[in-house]
Amino acid sequence: MDNLQFQNNDINELISKLDIKQPRKIFYTDDNLGSKISAGGIIFFRYDIKTDKVKLLLQFVNRYDKYSKKSKNQFEDIGGRTEQEDDCIQTTIIRELVEETNGLISKDKALSLLENDYGKIYCHHGMYMMYVVQADSDIIRISTKDYGDKEFHTDKNRSFSWVDAEHLNIGGKAFNQRIWFIRKEIMDYINMKINQIKISRKNKSG
C-alpha cells in the first residue's frame, strides 16, 4: 500500500513538472445523461428601476482566438473548465468565481446567492453551463477596481466592469462566443426577473 502511494505521488509530481493537462471531468445537464458539461461560469446582473437599465458584471480580457488566429480583447463571464476534484458543475463555477475575483466573492457568499432563484443556460459551444444571477447589495457594493487588474491564481491580466446589457441586443461590444451564442436566452431570463420585480413593486404600492 505504501509503495502504491509512493508511486502515485511520483506520477502526480511528474505530471505537475511536465505541465501535462489531465482530462476534464464531465458532467451532464440531467440525471439521464443529457448534454455533456465540461466548463461553466456565472454572470451577475443588476437592475436599476429608476433608469430601467440592466448591467452585467463581466471580465475584460485579451484572448487568443483559435479561429482567427489573433489575440483580441473581449468581455466574458466569470468561469472556466471543470477539474477532476469537482463533484458537480456548481462546484466548478463557485471555485472559478472565488479564484477569478481574488476571493472578494467568497465560497460562502456564492452558496448563499445560489440558494435563491437563478437562471441555468446551456451553451453547446464549449459544452458550457452558464448561471445568470441577480447581484445583491453586497456584490453591487464591491468596486470593480477592488478586483484588481490581475487574477492571482493564474497571473492572468484582466479587469472587471459593469456593462450595459443592451449591448447584447444592439452589439457595440466584443463578447466572447459563448455569451454571444446564448445572448437571447440570457436576456430572456433577465427580462423575466425584471417583470417579477415590477409586479412585486406594483402589488406592494397598490
N, C-alpha and C. Protein backbone atom coordinates (compact mmCIF):
# COMPACT_ATOMS: atom_id res chain seq x y z
N MET A 1 0.84 -1.21 0.00
CA MET A 1 0.00 0.00 0.00
C MET A 1 0.87 1.25 0.00
N ASP A 2 1.93 1.23 0.85
CA ASP A 2 2.83 2.38 0.93
C ASP A 2 3.55 2.59 -0.40
N ASN A 3 3.96 1.47 -1.05
CA ASN A 3 4.64 1.58 -2.34
C ASN A 3 3.72 2.18 -3.40
N LEU A 4 2.42 1.78 -3.36
CA LEU A 4 1.46 2.30 -4.31
C LEU A 4 1.26 3.80 -4.11
N GLN A 5 1.18 4.22 -2.85
CA GLN A 5 1.03 5.64 -2.54
C GLN A 5 2.24 6.41 -3.02
N PHE A 6 3.42 5.84 -2.84
CA PHE A 6 4.66 6.47 -3.27
C PHE A 6 4.67 6.63 -4.79
N GLN A 7 4.22 5.60 -5.50
CA GLN A 7 4.17 5.65 -6.96
C GLN A 7 3.18 6.73 -7.43
N ASN A 8 2.04 6.81 -6.78
CA ASN A 8 1.05 7.81 -7.16
C ASN A 8 1.58 9.22 -6.96
N ASN A 9 2.30 9.42 -5.86
CA ASN A 9 2.89 10.73 -5.60
C ASN A 9 3.91 11.09 -6.66
N ASP A 10 4.72 10.08 -7.06
CA ASP A 10 5.72 10.30 -8.11
C ASP A 10 5.05 10.69 -9.42
N ILE A 11 3.97 10.01 -9.76
CA ILE A 11 3.25 10.28 -11.01
C ILE A 11 2.66 11.68 -11.00
N ASN A 12 2.05 12.06 -9.86
CA ASN A 12 1.46 13.39 -9.75
C ASN A 12 2.52 14.48 -9.85
N GLU A 13 3.69 14.23 -9.24
CA GLU A 13 4.77 15.20 -9.30
C GLU A 13 5.29 15.34 -10.73
N LEU A 14 5.39 14.20 -11.44
CA LEU A 14 5.86 14.22 -12.82
C LEU A 14 4.88 14.98 -13.72
N ILE A 15 3.57 14.74 -13.52
CA ILE A 15 2.54 15.44 -14.29
C ILE A 15 2.64 16.94 -14.07
N SER A 16 2.88 17.33 -12.80
CA SER A 16 2.99 18.74 -12.48
C SER A 16 4.20 19.38 -13.15
N LYS A 17 5.34 18.67 -13.12
CA LYS A 17 6.56 19.21 -13.71
C LYS A 17 6.46 19.32 -15.22
N LEU A 18 5.83 18.35 -15.85
CA LEU A 18 5.71 18.35 -17.30
C LEU A 18 4.54 19.18 -17.80
N ASP A 19 3.76 19.72 -16.86
CA ASP A 19 2.58 20.52 -17.20
C ASP A 19 1.64 19.75 -18.12
N ILE A 20 1.44 18.47 -17.80
CA ILE A 20 0.53 17.63 -18.59
C ILE A 20 -0.90 17.91 -18.15
N LYS A 21 -1.75 18.23 -19.11
CA LYS A 21 -3.15 18.53 -18.80
C LYS A 21 -3.94 17.24 -18.63
N GLN A 22 -4.55 17.09 -17.46
CA GLN A 22 -5.39 15.93 -17.23
C GLN A 22 -6.74 16.14 -17.90
N PRO A 23 -7.40 15.06 -18.31
CA PRO A 23 -8.70 15.21 -18.98
C PRO A 23 -9.72 15.87 -18.07
N ARG A 24 -10.58 16.67 -18.67
CA ARG A 24 -11.61 17.35 -17.89
C ARG A 24 -12.63 16.34 -17.35
N LYS A 25 -13.17 16.65 -16.20
CA LYS A 25 -14.26 15.86 -15.67
C LYS A 25 -15.54 16.27 -16.39
N ILE A 26 -16.37 15.30 -16.74
CA ILE A 26 -17.58 15.57 -17.50
C ILE A 26 -18.81 15.40 -16.61
N PHE A 27 -19.67 16.42 -16.65
CA PHE A 27 -20.98 16.34 -16.01
C PHE A 27 -22.04 16.35 -17.11
N TYR A 28 -23.30 16.23 -16.69
CA TYR A 28 -24.38 16.19 -17.67
C TYR A 28 -25.52 17.12 -17.24
N THR A 29 -26.31 17.54 -18.22
CA THR A 29 -27.37 18.50 -17.94
C THR A 29 -28.53 17.91 -17.15
N ASP A 30 -28.63 16.60 -17.08
CA ASP A 30 -29.66 15.97 -16.25
C ASP A 30 -29.19 14.57 -15.83
N ASP A 31 -29.98 13.96 -14.98
CA ASP A 31 -29.61 12.66 -14.42
C ASP A 31 -29.66 11.54 -15.46
N ASN A 32 -30.31 11.79 -16.57
CA ASN A 32 -30.44 10.77 -17.61
C ASN A 32 -29.38 10.92 -18.69
N LEU A 33 -28.23 11.42 -18.30
CA LEU A 33 -27.09 11.60 -19.22
C LEU A 33 -27.51 12.43 -20.44
N GLY A 34 -27.84 13.70 -20.16
CA GLY A 34 -28.18 14.62 -21.24
C GLY A 34 -26.93 15.16 -21.90
N SER A 35 -26.91 16.44 -22.22
CA SER A 35 -25.75 17.05 -22.88
C SER A 35 -24.56 17.12 -21.92
N LYS A 36 -23.37 16.94 -22.47
CA LYS A 36 -22.16 16.97 -21.66
C LYS A 36 -21.82 18.40 -21.23
N ILE A 37 -21.27 18.51 -20.01
CA ILE A 37 -20.81 19.79 -19.48
C ILE A 37 -19.34 19.63 -19.08
N SER A 38 -18.47 20.46 -19.64
CA SER A 38 -17.05 20.39 -19.28
C SER A 38 -16.52 21.74 -18.80
N ALA A 39 -17.40 22.73 -18.68
CA ALA A 39 -17.00 24.04 -18.18
C ALA A 39 -18.25 24.80 -17.77
N GLY A 40 -18.06 25.83 -16.96
CA GLY A 40 -19.21 26.60 -16.51
C GLY A 40 -18.80 27.97 -16.01
N GLY A 41 -19.78 28.87 -15.94
CA GLY A 41 -19.49 30.22 -15.49
C GLY A 41 -20.73 30.90 -14.96
N ILE A 42 -20.55 32.16 -14.57
CA ILE A 42 -21.63 32.91 -13.94
C ILE A 42 -21.60 34.35 -14.42
N ILE A 43 -22.79 34.90 -14.64
CA ILE A 43 -22.96 36.32 -14.95
C ILE A 43 -23.88 36.92 -13.90
N PHE A 44 -23.40 37.96 -13.21
CA PHE A 44 -24.24 38.71 -12.29
C PHE A 44 -24.88 39.87 -13.05
N PHE A 45 -26.15 40.13 -12.75
CA PHE A 45 -26.79 41.31 -13.33
C PHE A 45 -27.40 42.17 -12.24
N ARG A 46 -27.48 43.46 -12.51
CA ARG A 46 -28.10 44.41 -11.59
C ARG A 46 -29.12 45.23 -12.36
N TYR A 47 -30.23 45.51 -11.71
CA TYR A 47 -31.30 46.27 -12.36
C TYR A 47 -31.58 47.54 -11.58
N ASP A 48 -31.52 48.67 -12.30
CA ASP A 48 -31.83 49.98 -11.71
C ASP A 48 -33.25 50.35 -12.12
N ILE A 49 -34.17 50.28 -11.18
CA ILE A 49 -35.58 50.51 -11.51
C ILE A 49 -35.83 51.97 -11.89
N LYS A 50 -34.99 52.89 -11.42
CA LYS A 50 -35.18 54.32 -11.75
C LYS A 50 -34.86 54.59 -13.21
N THR A 51 -33.81 53.96 -13.71
CA THR A 51 -33.42 54.18 -15.11
C THR A 51 -33.91 53.08 -16.03
N ASP A 52 -34.44 52.00 -15.44
CA ASP A 52 -34.90 50.83 -16.20
C ASP A 52 -33.76 50.23 -17.02
N LYS A 53 -32.57 50.25 -16.44
CA LYS A 53 -31.38 49.74 -17.13
C LYS A 53 -30.82 48.51 -16.41
N VAL A 54 -30.25 47.60 -17.20
CA VAL A 54 -29.62 46.39 -16.66
C VAL A 54 -28.14 46.42 -16.99
N LYS A 55 -27.33 46.05 -16.02
CA LYS A 55 -25.89 45.95 -16.26
C LYS A 55 -25.40 44.57 -15.85
N LEU A 56 -24.37 44.10 -16.54
CA LEU A 56 -23.79 42.78 -16.31
C LEU A 56 -22.36 42.94 -15.80
N LEU A 57 -22.02 42.15 -14.77
CA LEU A 57 -20.65 42.15 -14.26
C LEU A 57 -19.82 41.19 -15.10
N LEU A 58 -18.88 41.74 -15.88
CA LEU A 58 -18.08 40.93 -16.80
C LEU A 58 -16.60 41.24 -16.67
N GLN A 59 -15.80 40.30 -17.11
CA GLN A 59 -14.36 40.49 -17.18
C GLN A 59 -13.97 40.98 -18.58
N PHE A 60 -12.97 41.84 -18.63
CA PHE A 60 -12.41 42.28 -19.92
C PHE A 60 -11.02 41.69 -20.02
N VAL A 61 -10.81 40.81 -21.00
CA VAL A 61 -9.56 40.06 -21.11
C VAL A 61 -9.05 40.07 -22.55
N ASN A 62 -7.79 39.72 -22.69
CA ASN A 62 -7.21 39.54 -24.01
C ASN A 62 -7.02 38.04 -24.23
N ARG A 63 -7.68 37.51 -25.26
CA ARG A 63 -7.66 36.09 -25.53
C ARG A 63 -7.13 35.82 -26.94
N TYR A 64 -6.49 34.67 -27.09
CA TYR A 64 -6.10 34.21 -28.41
C TYR A 64 -7.26 33.44 -29.02
N ASP A 65 -7.71 33.87 -30.17
CA ASP A 65 -8.82 33.23 -30.85
C ASP A 65 -8.29 32.19 -31.83
N LYS A 66 -8.63 30.92 -31.59
CA LYS A 66 -8.07 29.83 -32.41
C LYS A 66 -8.64 29.82 -33.82
N TYR A 67 -9.78 30.52 -34.01
CA TYR A 67 -10.38 30.54 -35.35
C TYR A 67 -9.73 31.62 -36.22
N SER A 68 -9.61 32.83 -35.68
CA SER A 68 -8.97 33.90 -36.45
C SER A 68 -7.46 33.89 -36.30
N LYS A 69 -6.97 33.10 -35.30
CA LYS A 69 -5.53 33.02 -35.01
C LYS A 69 -4.95 34.40 -34.66
N LYS A 70 -5.76 35.18 -33.95
CA LYS A 70 -5.34 36.50 -33.49
C LYS A 70 -5.76 36.70 -32.05
N SER A 71 -5.02 37.54 -31.34
CA SER A 71 -5.42 37.91 -29.99
C SER A 71 -6.41 39.06 -30.06
N LYS A 72 -7.41 39.03 -29.20
CA LYS A 72 -8.38 40.11 -29.20
C LYS A 72 -8.91 40.36 -27.80
N ASN A 73 -9.31 41.60 -27.55
CA ASN A 73 -9.90 41.96 -26.28
C ASN A 73 -11.39 41.66 -26.33
N GLN A 74 -11.91 41.12 -25.23
CA GLN A 74 -13.33 40.77 -25.22
C GLN A 74 -13.86 40.72 -23.80
N PHE A 75 -15.19 40.86 -23.70
CA PHE A 75 -15.87 40.69 -22.41
C PHE A 75 -16.29 39.24 -22.28
N GLU A 76 -16.13 38.71 -21.06
CA GLU A 76 -16.55 37.34 -20.82
C GLU A 76 -17.05 37.19 -19.39
N ASP A 77 -17.76 36.09 -19.15
CA ASP A 77 -18.29 35.78 -17.84
C ASP A 77 -17.16 35.33 -16.91
N ILE A 78 -17.52 35.05 -15.68
CA ILE A 78 -16.58 34.50 -14.70
C ILE A 78 -16.73 32.99 -14.72
N GLY A 79 -15.70 32.26 -15.10
CA GLY A 79 -15.86 30.82 -15.18
C GLY A 79 -14.66 30.13 -15.78
N GLY A 80 -14.79 28.83 -15.95
CA GLY A 80 -13.68 28.06 -16.51
C GLY A 80 -14.01 26.58 -16.59
N ARG A 81 -12.97 25.80 -16.80
CA ARG A 81 -13.12 24.36 -17.03
C ARG A 81 -13.30 23.58 -15.73
N THR A 82 -13.91 22.43 -15.88
CA THR A 82 -14.03 21.52 -14.74
C THR A 82 -12.67 20.94 -14.39
N GLU A 83 -12.53 20.51 -13.15
CA GLU A 83 -11.33 19.82 -12.70
C GLU A 83 -11.74 18.50 -12.07
N GLN A 84 -10.78 17.58 -11.98
CA GLN A 84 -11.09 16.23 -11.52
C GLN A 84 -11.67 16.19 -10.10
N GLU A 85 -11.27 17.15 -9.26
CA GLU A 85 -11.76 17.13 -7.88
C GLU A 85 -13.17 17.73 -7.73
N ASP A 86 -13.71 18.34 -8.78
CA ASP A 86 -15.06 18.91 -8.71
C ASP A 86 -16.09 17.79 -8.64
N ASP A 87 -17.12 17.96 -7.79
CA ASP A 87 -18.14 16.92 -7.69
C ASP A 87 -19.41 17.25 -8.46
N CYS A 88 -19.52 18.49 -8.96
CA CYS A 88 -20.65 18.89 -9.80
C CYS A 88 -20.28 20.20 -10.48
N ILE A 89 -21.07 20.63 -11.45
CA ILE A 89 -20.73 21.85 -12.18
C ILE A 89 -20.85 23.08 -11.29
N GLN A 90 -21.73 23.03 -10.29
CA GLN A 90 -21.83 24.16 -9.36
C GLN A 90 -20.52 24.34 -8.60
N THR A 91 -19.89 23.24 -8.22
CA THR A 91 -18.59 23.30 -7.55
C THR A 91 -17.56 23.98 -8.45
N THR A 92 -17.58 23.63 -9.73
CA THR A 92 -16.67 24.25 -10.70
C THR A 92 -16.89 25.76 -10.76
N ILE A 93 -18.14 26.16 -10.91
CA ILE A 93 -18.46 27.57 -11.08
C ILE A 93 -18.09 28.37 -9.84
N ILE A 94 -18.38 27.83 -8.66
CA ILE A 94 -18.04 28.54 -7.42
C ILE A 94 -16.53 28.66 -7.27
N ARG A 95 -15.80 27.58 -7.57
CA ARG A 95 -14.33 27.62 -7.47
C ARG A 95 -13.77 28.70 -8.40
N GLU A 96 -14.26 28.73 -9.64
CA GLU A 96 -13.79 29.72 -10.60
C GLU A 96 -14.16 31.14 -10.16
N LEU A 97 -15.34 31.30 -9.58
CA LEU A 97 -15.79 32.60 -9.10
C LEU A 97 -14.85 33.14 -8.02
N VAL A 98 -14.53 32.29 -7.06
CA VAL A 98 -13.64 32.70 -5.97
C VAL A 98 -12.24 33.03 -6.51
N GLU A 99 -11.73 32.18 -7.41
CA GLU A 99 -10.39 32.39 -7.97
C GLU A 99 -10.32 33.68 -8.80
N GLU A 100 -11.30 33.86 -9.68
CA GLU A 100 -11.20 34.97 -10.63
C GLU A 100 -11.56 36.32 -10.02
N THR A 101 -12.22 36.32 -8.87
CA THR A 101 -12.48 37.58 -8.15
C THR A 101 -11.46 37.79 -7.04
N ASN A 102 -10.42 36.96 -7.03
CA ASN A 102 -9.37 37.03 -6.00
C ASN A 102 -9.95 36.96 -4.59
N GLY A 103 -11.00 36.16 -4.44
CA GLY A 103 -11.58 35.92 -3.12
C GLY A 103 -12.51 37.02 -2.62
N LEU A 104 -12.71 38.09 -3.40
CA LEU A 104 -13.62 39.14 -2.96
C LEU A 104 -15.05 38.62 -2.87
N ILE A 105 -15.40 37.69 -3.74
CA ILE A 105 -16.65 36.96 -3.61
C ILE A 105 -16.29 35.58 -3.09
N SER A 106 -16.68 35.30 -1.87
CA SER A 106 -16.26 34.08 -1.19
C SER A 106 -17.14 32.89 -1.58
N LYS A 107 -16.68 31.71 -1.23
CA LYS A 107 -17.46 30.49 -1.46
C LYS A 107 -18.78 30.55 -0.71
N ASP A 108 -18.74 31.00 0.55
CA ASP A 108 -19.97 31.08 1.34
C ASP A 108 -20.96 32.07 0.72
N LYS A 109 -20.44 33.19 0.21
CA LYS A 109 -21.31 34.18 -0.43
C LYS A 109 -21.95 33.59 -1.68
N ALA A 110 -21.15 32.91 -2.47
CA ALA A 110 -21.67 32.29 -3.70
C ALA A 110 -22.76 31.28 -3.38
N LEU A 111 -22.53 30.44 -2.37
CA LEU A 111 -23.51 29.43 -1.99
C LEU A 111 -24.82 30.07 -1.53
N SER A 112 -24.71 31.18 -0.80
CA SER A 112 -25.93 31.85 -0.31
C SER A 112 -26.72 32.45 -1.48
N LEU A 113 -26.02 32.98 -2.49
CA LEU A 113 -26.71 33.54 -3.66
C LEU A 113 -27.42 32.45 -4.46
N LEU A 114 -26.79 31.27 -4.53
CA LEU A 114 -27.36 30.19 -5.31
C LEU A 114 -28.47 29.43 -4.58
N GLU A 115 -28.76 29.85 -3.35
CA GLU A 115 -29.92 29.31 -2.66
C GLU A 115 -31.21 29.93 -3.21
N ASN A 116 -31.07 31.10 -3.88
CA ASN A 116 -32.21 31.78 -4.45
C ASN A 116 -32.38 31.35 -5.92
N ASP A 117 -33.41 31.88 -6.54
CA ASP A 117 -33.69 31.55 -7.94
C ASP A 117 -32.59 32.13 -8.84
N TYR A 118 -32.16 31.36 -9.81
CA TYR A 118 -31.19 31.85 -10.79
C TYR A 118 -31.38 31.10 -12.09
N GLY A 119 -30.87 31.68 -13.17
CA GLY A 119 -31.01 31.06 -14.48
C GLY A 119 -29.90 30.08 -14.77
N LYS A 120 -30.23 28.99 -15.44
CA LYS A 120 -29.25 28.00 -15.88
C LYS A 120 -29.43 27.83 -17.39
N ILE A 121 -28.40 28.23 -18.13
CA ILE A 121 -28.48 28.22 -19.59
C ILE A 121 -27.32 27.38 -20.14
N TYR A 122 -27.65 26.44 -20.98
CA TYR A 122 -26.61 25.57 -21.55
C TYR A 122 -26.20 26.08 -22.92
N CYS A 123 -24.89 26.16 -23.12
CA CYS A 123 -24.34 26.56 -24.41
C CYS A 123 -23.60 25.37 -25.01
N HIS A 124 -24.05 24.89 -26.14
CA HIS A 124 -23.41 23.74 -26.79
C HIS A 124 -21.98 24.07 -27.20
N HIS A 125 -21.72 25.34 -27.49
CA HIS A 125 -20.37 25.76 -27.84
C HIS A 125 -19.49 25.67 -26.59
N GLY A 126 -18.61 24.72 -26.55
CA GLY A 126 -17.74 24.55 -25.39
C GLY A 126 -18.34 23.71 -24.29
N MET A 127 -19.55 23.12 -24.53
CA MET A 127 -20.22 22.31 -23.50
C MET A 127 -20.25 23.06 -22.17
N TYR A 128 -20.84 24.25 -22.20
CA TYR A 128 -20.73 25.23 -21.13
C TYR A 128 -22.08 25.47 -20.45
N MET A 129 -22.07 25.44 -19.10
CA MET A 129 -23.26 25.77 -18.33
C MET A 129 -23.10 27.17 -17.74
N MET A 130 -24.03 28.06 -18.09
CA MET A 130 -23.98 29.44 -17.61
C MET A 130 -25.05 29.67 -16.55
N TYR A 131 -24.64 30.23 -15.40
CA TYR A 131 -25.58 30.66 -14.38
C TYR A 131 -25.78 32.18 -14.55
N VAL A 132 -27.02 32.62 -14.48
CA VAL A 132 -27.34 34.06 -14.53
C VAL A 132 -28.00 34.41 -13.20
N VAL A 133 -27.34 35.27 -12.43
CA VAL A 133 -27.72 35.51 -11.03
C VAL A 133 -27.90 37.00 -10.78
N GLN A 134 -28.99 37.36 -10.13
CA GLN A 134 -29.18 38.76 -9.76
C GLN A 134 -28.24 39.11 -8.62
N ALA A 135 -27.45 40.16 -8.82
CA ALA A 135 -26.49 40.59 -7.79
C ALA A 135 -27.24 41.21 -6.62
N ASP A 136 -26.80 40.87 -5.42
CA ASP A 136 -27.38 41.51 -4.24
C ASP A 136 -26.56 42.75 -3.89
N SER A 137 -26.94 43.42 -2.81
CA SER A 137 -26.28 44.68 -2.45
C SER A 137 -24.80 44.48 -2.13
N ASP A 138 -24.44 43.32 -1.58
CA ASP A 138 -23.03 43.06 -1.26
C ASP A 138 -22.17 43.02 -2.53
N ILE A 139 -22.68 42.37 -3.58
CA ILE A 139 -21.94 42.29 -4.83
C ILE A 139 -21.87 43.67 -5.49
N ILE A 140 -22.97 44.39 -5.47
CA ILE A 140 -23.03 45.71 -6.11
C ILE A 140 -22.08 46.69 -5.42
N ARG A 141 -21.94 46.56 -4.11
CA ARG A 141 -21.09 47.50 -3.36
C ARG A 141 -19.60 47.31 -3.64
N ILE A 142 -19.20 46.15 -4.15
CA ILE A 142 -17.78 45.94 -4.43
C ILE A 142 -17.38 46.80 -5.63
N SER A 143 -16.40 47.66 -5.44
CA SER A 143 -15.91 48.48 -6.55
C SER A 143 -15.19 47.57 -7.55
N THR A 144 -15.42 47.78 -8.83
CA THR A 144 -14.75 46.95 -9.84
C THR A 144 -13.23 47.11 -9.76
N LYS A 145 -12.77 48.24 -9.24
CA LYS A 145 -11.33 48.44 -9.09
C LYS A 145 -10.74 47.51 -8.03
N ASP A 146 -11.58 47.13 -7.04
CA ASP A 146 -11.10 46.27 -5.96
C ASP A 146 -10.74 44.86 -6.44
N TYR A 147 -11.29 44.45 -7.57
CA TYR A 147 -10.93 43.13 -8.12
C TYR A 147 -9.51 43.12 -8.66
N GLY A 148 -8.95 44.30 -8.87
CA GLY A 148 -7.59 44.40 -9.39
C GLY A 148 -7.55 44.21 -10.90
N ASP A 149 -6.34 44.30 -11.45
CA ASP A 149 -6.18 44.12 -12.89
C ASP A 149 -5.51 42.80 -13.24
N LYS A 150 -5.43 41.91 -12.24
CA LYS A 150 -4.79 40.61 -12.48
C LYS A 150 -5.42 39.56 -11.57
N GLU A 151 -5.64 38.35 -12.11
CA GLU A 151 -6.10 37.23 -11.30
C GLU A 151 -4.89 36.57 -10.65
N PHE A 152 -4.89 36.49 -9.32
CA PHE A 152 -3.74 35.95 -8.60
C PHE A 152 -3.50 34.48 -8.92
N HIS A 153 -4.57 33.71 -9.07
CA HIS A 153 -4.46 32.26 -9.22
C HIS A 153 -3.71 31.88 -10.50
N THR A 154 -3.96 32.63 -11.57
CA THR A 154 -3.34 32.28 -12.86
C THR A 154 -2.36 33.34 -13.35
N ASP A 155 -2.26 34.44 -12.63
CA ASP A 155 -1.41 35.57 -13.05
C ASP A 155 -1.90 36.15 -14.37
N LYS A 156 -3.20 36.02 -14.63
CA LYS A 156 -3.80 36.50 -15.88
C LYS A 156 -4.24 37.95 -15.73
N ASN A 157 -3.87 38.78 -16.71
CA ASN A 157 -4.34 40.16 -16.72
C ASN A 157 -5.80 40.22 -17.12
N ARG A 158 -6.57 40.97 -16.38
CA ARG A 158 -7.99 41.16 -16.68
C ARG A 158 -8.51 42.29 -15.81
N SER A 159 -9.66 42.82 -16.19
CA SER A 159 -10.32 43.84 -15.37
C SER A 159 -11.81 43.56 -15.36
N PHE A 160 -12.50 44.14 -14.38
CA PHE A 160 -13.95 43.95 -14.26
C PHE A 160 -14.67 45.25 -14.54
N SER A 161 -15.88 45.14 -15.08
CA SER A 161 -16.72 46.31 -15.26
C SER A 161 -18.18 45.89 -15.37
N TRP A 162 -19.06 46.84 -15.06
CA TRP A 162 -20.49 46.63 -15.25
C TRP A 162 -20.84 47.13 -16.65
N VAL A 163 -21.27 46.23 -17.50
CA VAL A 163 -21.52 46.51 -18.91
C VAL A 163 -23.02 46.60 -19.16
N ASP A 164 -23.45 47.61 -19.90
CA ASP A 164 -24.87 47.73 -20.24
C ASP A 164 -25.34 46.49 -20.99
N ALA A 165 -26.40 45.88 -20.49
CA ALA A 165 -26.91 44.64 -21.10
C ALA A 165 -27.49 44.89 -22.49
N GLU A 166 -27.85 46.13 -22.79
CA GLU A 166 -28.44 46.43 -24.10
C GLU A 166 -27.47 46.11 -25.24
N HIS A 167 -26.18 46.04 -24.92
CA HIS A 167 -25.20 45.71 -25.96
C HIS A 167 -25.36 44.27 -26.46
N LEU A 168 -26.01 43.44 -25.66
CA LEU A 168 -26.28 42.07 -26.12
C LEU A 168 -27.32 42.08 -27.24
N ASN A 169 -28.11 43.14 -27.29
CA ASN A 169 -29.14 43.25 -28.33
C ASN A 169 -28.66 44.04 -29.55
N ILE A 170 -27.88 45.10 -29.29
CA ILE A 170 -27.52 46.01 -30.38
C ILE A 170 -26.07 45.88 -30.81
N GLY A 171 -25.29 45.07 -30.10
CA GLY A 171 -23.87 44.97 -30.43
C GLY A 171 -23.11 46.16 -29.87
N GLY A 172 -21.95 46.42 -30.43
CA GLY A 172 -21.14 47.55 -29.97
C GLY A 172 -20.10 47.18 -28.94
N LYS A 173 -20.15 45.96 -28.45
CA LYS A 173 -19.16 45.45 -27.51
C LYS A 173 -18.69 44.08 -27.99
N ALA A 174 -17.44 43.76 -27.67
CA ALA A 174 -16.90 42.46 -28.08
C ALA A 174 -17.11 41.45 -26.95
N PHE A 175 -18.06 40.54 -27.15
CA PHE A 175 -18.32 39.49 -26.18
C PHE A 175 -17.70 38.18 -26.68
N ASN A 176 -17.33 37.32 -25.72
CA ASN A 176 -16.83 36.02 -26.17
C ASN A 176 -17.96 35.23 -26.82
N GLN A 177 -17.58 34.17 -27.51
CA GLN A 177 -18.55 33.46 -28.33
C GLN A 177 -19.68 32.84 -27.54
N ARG A 178 -19.35 32.27 -26.37
CA ARG A 178 -20.42 31.58 -25.63
C ARG A 178 -21.49 32.56 -25.17
N ILE A 179 -21.10 33.78 -24.74
CA ILE A 179 -22.10 34.77 -24.36
C ILE A 179 -22.92 35.18 -25.58
N TRP A 180 -22.24 35.40 -26.69
CA TRP A 180 -22.93 35.85 -27.90
C TRP A 180 -23.91 34.80 -28.40
N PHE A 181 -23.53 33.52 -28.32
CA PHE A 181 -24.40 32.45 -28.81
C PHE A 181 -25.68 32.31 -27.99
N ILE A 182 -25.60 32.62 -26.69
CA ILE A 182 -26.78 32.45 -25.82
C ILE A 182 -27.31 33.79 -25.31
N ARG A 183 -27.02 34.86 -26.04
CA ARG A 183 -27.42 36.21 -25.59
C ARG A 183 -28.93 36.33 -25.45
N LYS A 184 -29.68 35.71 -26.36
CA LYS A 184 -31.14 35.79 -26.27
C LYS A 184 -31.65 35.12 -25.01
N GLU A 185 -31.12 33.94 -24.71
CA GLU A 185 -31.55 33.21 -23.51
C GLU A 185 -31.18 33.97 -22.24
N ILE A 186 -29.99 34.60 -22.26
CA ILE A 186 -29.57 35.41 -21.10
C ILE A 186 -30.56 36.55 -20.87
N MET A 187 -30.89 37.29 -21.94
CA MET A 187 -31.78 38.43 -21.80
C MET A 187 -33.21 38.00 -21.50
N ASP A 188 -33.64 36.86 -22.04
CA ASP A 188 -34.99 36.36 -21.73
C ASP A 188 -35.13 36.11 -20.23
N TYR A 189 -34.10 35.50 -19.63
CA TYR A 189 -34.17 35.22 -18.19
C TYR A 189 -34.16 36.53 -17.40
N ILE A 190 -33.26 37.45 -17.76
CA ILE A 190 -33.17 38.72 -17.04
C ILE A 190 -34.48 39.50 -17.15
N ASN A 191 -35.06 39.55 -18.34
CA ASN A 191 -36.32 40.27 -18.52
C ASN A 191 -37.45 39.64 -17.71
N MET A 192 -37.44 38.31 -17.58
CA MET A 192 -38.43 37.64 -16.74
C MET A 192 -38.29 38.09 -15.29
N LYS A 193 -37.05 38.15 -14.80
CA LYS A 193 -36.81 38.58 -13.42
C LYS A 193 -37.21 40.04 -13.21
N ILE A 194 -36.95 40.88 -14.21
CA ILE A 194 -37.33 42.29 -14.11
C ILE A 194 -38.85 42.43 -14.03
N ASN A 195 -39.55 41.67 -14.84
CA ASN A 195 -41.01 41.71 -14.78
C ASN A 195 -41.53 41.29 -13.42
N GLN A 196 -40.88 40.30 -12.81
CA GLN A 196 -41.27 39.88 -11.47
C GLN A 196 -41.05 41.00 -10.45
N ILE A 197 -39.93 41.70 -10.60
CA ILE A 197 -39.63 42.83 -9.71
C ILE A 197 -40.68 43.93 -9.85
N LYS A 198 -41.05 44.25 -11.09
CA LYS A 198 -42.03 45.31 -11.34
C LYS A 198 -43.40 44.94 -10.79
N ILE A 199 -43.80 43.68 -10.99
CA ILE A 199 -45.09 43.22 -10.48
C ILE A 199 -45.11 43.26 -8.95
N SER A 200 -44.01 42.83 -8.34
CA SER A 200 -43.93 42.84 -6.88
C SER A 200 -44.03 44.25 -6.33
N ARG A 201 -43.35 45.20 -6.96
CA ARG A 201 -43.40 46.60 -6.51
C ARG A 201 -44.80 47.19 -6.71
N LYS A 202 -45.43 46.81 -7.81
CA LYS A 202 -46.77 47.31 -8.09
C LYS A 202 -47.76 46.78 -7.05
N ASN A 203 -47.64 45.51 -6.70
CA ASN A 203 -48.54 44.92 -5.70
C ASN A 203 -48.35 45.57 -4.32
N LYS A 204 -47.08 45.87 -3.99
CA LYS A 204 -46.80 46.49 -2.68
C LYS A 204 -47.35 47.91 -2.63
N SER A 205 -47.22 48.64 -3.74
CA SER A 205 -47.68 50.03 -3.75
C SER A 205 -49.20 50.11 -3.85
N GLY A 206 -49.80 49.05 -4.41
CA GLY A 206 -51.28 49.05 -4.57
C GLY A 206 -51.96 48.64 -3.30
